[in-house]
Amino acid sequence: MKRRRVVSAVAAGICVLALGLGLNGAASATTSSSRLFPERTVVLNCQGHAQVRPGRFTLACADFNDYLTGLTWKSWGPKLASATGVQHLNDCVPYCAAGHVHRYAVDIVLRHPATAGPGSQRYTSITLLYPGTHPAYAGHRRPVTTSMVLPR
């Protein structure tokens, strides 16, 4: 009887050890794969807060004179994200406090991911494409584009 208990205890110990090694190996595999493929891709708003597929995004944070609303995301991947929405842009004429906000239909493309921290990356540039009317500074050809670097 004593021998049976000892054998059972040894077998249980071996099972616990094997389970521990198996879980440790799985954790290592998860950690190394997250370095290759980040868990999530984000865009940083102007205050530096990470957002995933935001419905609204401010481009000019200090004066709130340029922002995007109604964002409908067509894709959100590790290399590129695309959406449609509406840009609200203050013309600042004669000055920003007395200016008028104009709305433009816009296609948005987020690109150039960079590391944002452990397990995540962030897009670093945004391109706005105007399929219809566009701001005067954006040019006169169609499709008209405007590109900018996002906050870091």
Protein backbone atom coordinates (compact mmCIF):
# COMPACT_ATOMS: atom_id res chain seq x y z
CA MET A 1 0.00 0.00 0.00
CA LYS A 2 2.78 2.41 0.90
CA ARG A 3 4.48 1.72 -2.38
CA ARG A 4 1.27 2.52 -4.32
CA ARG A 5 1.00 5.93 -2.56
CA VAL A 6 4.62 6.76 -3.33
CA VAL A 7 4.18 5.81 -6.99
CA SER A 8 1.00 7.94 -7.18
CA ALA A 9 2.75 10.91 -5.57
CA VAL A 10 5.73 10.63 -7.97
CA ALA A 11 3.38 10.34 -10.97
CA ALA A 12 1.41 13.39 -9.80
CA GLY A 13 4.65 15.35 -9.37
CA ILE A 14 5.79 14.44 -12.87
CA CYS A 15 2.42 15.51 -14.31
CA VAL A 16 2.58 18.88 -12.50
CA LEU A 17 6.15 19.42 -13.71
CA ALA A 18 5.23 18.52 -17.30
CA LEU A 19 2.18 20.80 -17.19
CA GLY A 20 4.32 23.66 -15.87
CA LEU A 21 6.88 23.20 -18.63
CA GLY A 22 4.14 23.04 -21.24
CA LEU A 23 2.54 26.27 -20.03
CA ASN A 24 5.91 28.00 -19.84
CA GLY A 25 6.64 26.98 -23.43
CA ALA A 26 3.24 28.29 -24.55
CA ALA A 27 3.88 31.60 -22.79
CA SER A 28 7.26 31.89 -24.50
CA ALA A 29 5.70 31.19 -27.88
CA THR A 30 3.05 33.87 -27.26
CA THR A 31 5.66 36.41 -26.21
CA SER A 32 7.89 35.79 -29.22
CA SER A 33 4.99 35.80 -31.68
CA SER A 34 3.67 39.09 -30.24
CA ARG A 35 7.02 40.65 -31.15
CA LEU A 36 6.50 39.57 -34.75
CA PHE A 37 2.79 40.40 -34.91
CA PRO A 38 1.69 43.09 -32.44
CA GLU A 39 -1.52 42.39 -30.56
CA ARG A 40 -3.13 45.63 -31.69
CA THR A 41 -2.61 48.59 -33.98
CA VAL A 42 -3.69 52.02 -32.75
CA VAL A 43 -3.80 55.63 -33.82
CA LEU A 44 -2.82 58.28 -31.27
CA ASN A 45 -5.12 61.27 -30.91
CA CYS A 46 -3.64 64.71 -30.37
CA GLN A 47 -3.53 64.15 -26.58
CA GLY A 48 -1.53 60.94 -27.13
CA HIS A 49 -4.35 58.53 -26.21
CA ALA A 50 -4.44 55.28 -28.20
CA GLN A 51 -7.60 54.68 -30.21
CA VAL A 52 -8.75 51.72 -32.29
CA ARG A 53 -11.22 52.49 -35.09
CA PRO A 54 -12.31 55.86 -33.66
CA GLY A 55 -15.63 57.32 -34.80
CA ARG A 56 -14.22 60.84 -34.45
CA PHE A 57 -10.62 62.06 -34.77
CA THR A 58 -9.19 65.54 -34.17
CA LEU A 59 -6.44 66.70 -36.52
CA ALA A 60 -5.83 70.17 -35.00
CA CYS A 61 -5.99 69.71 -31.25
CA ALA A 62 -4.98 73.15 -29.99
CA ASP A 63 -7.80 75.07 -31.63
CA PHE A 64 -10.26 72.31 -32.71
CA ASN A 65 -10.32 73.82 -36.22
CA ASP A 66 -9.84 70.55 -38.14
CA TYR A 67 -11.46 67.24 -37.20
CA LEU A 68 -13.03 64.13 -38.73
CA THR A 69 -16.43 62.66 -37.84
CA GLY A 70 -18.65 59.80 -38.94
CA LEU A 71 -15.66 57.56 -39.56
CA THR A 72 -16.64 54.21 -41.06
CA TRP A 73 -13.64 51.89 -41.15
CA LYS A 74 -13.30 49.69 -44.24
CA SER A 75 -10.08 48.07 -42.98
CA TRP A 76 -7.86 48.16 -39.90
CA GLY A 77 -4.74 46.05 -40.26
CA PRO A 78 -1.13 45.97 -39.09
CA LYS A 79 0.12 47.98 -42.10
CA LEU A 80 -2.82 50.11 -43.27
CA ALA A 81 -6.25 51.34 -42.21
CA SER A 82 -8.85 53.04 -44.38
CA ALA A 83 -12.14 54.80 -43.69
CA THR A 84 -14.64 57.27 -45.04
CA GLY A 85 -15.98 60.23 -43.12
CA VAL A 86 -16.48 63.98 -43.01
CA GLN A 87 -13.77 66.57 -42.41
CA HIS A 88 -14.83 69.71 -40.52
CA LEU A 89 -12.38 72.50 -41.33
CA ASN A 90 -12.44 76.10 -40.09
CA ASP A 91 -11.37 78.53 -42.83
CA CYS A 92 -10.18 81.03 -40.16
CA VAL A 93 -11.36 83.98 -42.30
CA PRO A 94 -10.97 86.71 -41.16
CA TYR A 95 -9.52 84.89 -38.11
CA CYS A 96 -10.23 81.49 -36.54
CA ALA A 97 -12.64 82.67 -33.83
CA ALA A 98 -14.78 84.37 -36.51
CA GLY A 99 -14.16 81.77 -39.23
CA HIS A 100 -16.62 79.38 -40.80
CA VAL A 101 -16.50 75.59 -40.55
CA HIS A 102 -16.76 73.82 -43.92
CA ARG A 103 -17.52 70.12 -44.36
CA TYR A 104 -15.87 67.85 -46.93
CA ALA A 105 -16.47 64.20 -47.71
CA VAL A 106 -13.14 62.47 -47.26
CA ASP A 107 -11.46 59.09 -47.60
CA ILE A 108 -8.87 58.47 -44.90
CA VAL A 109 -5.77 56.26 -45.08
CA LEU A 110 -3.58 55.61 -42.04
CA ARG A 111 -0.11 54.19 -42.79
CA HIS A 112 3.51 53.76 -41.70
CA PRO A 113 3.17 51.82 -38.44
CA ALA A 114 5.79 52.18 -35.70
CA THR A 115 6.16 50.55 -32.29
CA ALA A 116 3.88 52.12 -29.69
CA GLY A 117 4.85 49.93 -26.75
CA PRO A 118 4.86 46.28 -25.77
CA GLY A 119 2.35 44.39 -27.90
CA SER A 120 1.12 47.36 -29.93
CA GLN A 121 2.01 49.62 -32.82
CA ARG A 122 0.65 52.97 -34.02
CA TYR A 123 0.07 54.57 -37.38
CA THR A 124 2.34 57.58 -37.97
CA SER A 125 0.81 59.23 -41.05
CA ILE A 126 -2.62 60.08 -42.37
CA THR A 127 -3.66 60.85 -45.93
CA LEU A 128 -6.97 62.54 -46.73
CA LEU A 129 -8.42 62.03 -50.21
CA TYR A 130 -11.22 64.35 -51.38
CA PRO A 131 -13.52 62.67 -53.91
CA GLY A 132 -15.62 65.83 -54.37
CA THR A 133 -15.25 69.41 -53.15
CA HIS A 134 -12.06 70.11 -51.24
CA PRO A 135 -10.33 72.86 -49.27
CA ALA A 136 -8.69 75.55 -51.41
CA TYR A 137 -5.19 74.68 -50.15
CA ALA A 138 -5.48 71.06 -51.30
CA GLY A 139 -5.03 71.83 -55.01
CA HIS A 140 -7.25 71.50 -58.07
CA ARG A 141 -6.73 67.98 -59.41
CA ARG A 142 -8.89 64.99 -58.59
CA PRO A 143 -8.46 62.95 -56.53
CA VAL A 144 -7.02 65.62 -54.26
CA THR A 145 -4.88 64.47 -51.34
CA THR A 146 -3.49 65.97 -48.18
CA SER A 147 -0.94 64.09 -46.07
CA MET A 148 0.36 64.79 -42.60
CA VAL A 149 2.41 63.18 -39.84
CA LEU A 150 0.43 62.15 -36.75
CA PRO A 151 1.51 63.02 -33.18
CA ARG A 152 4.15 60.81 -31.56
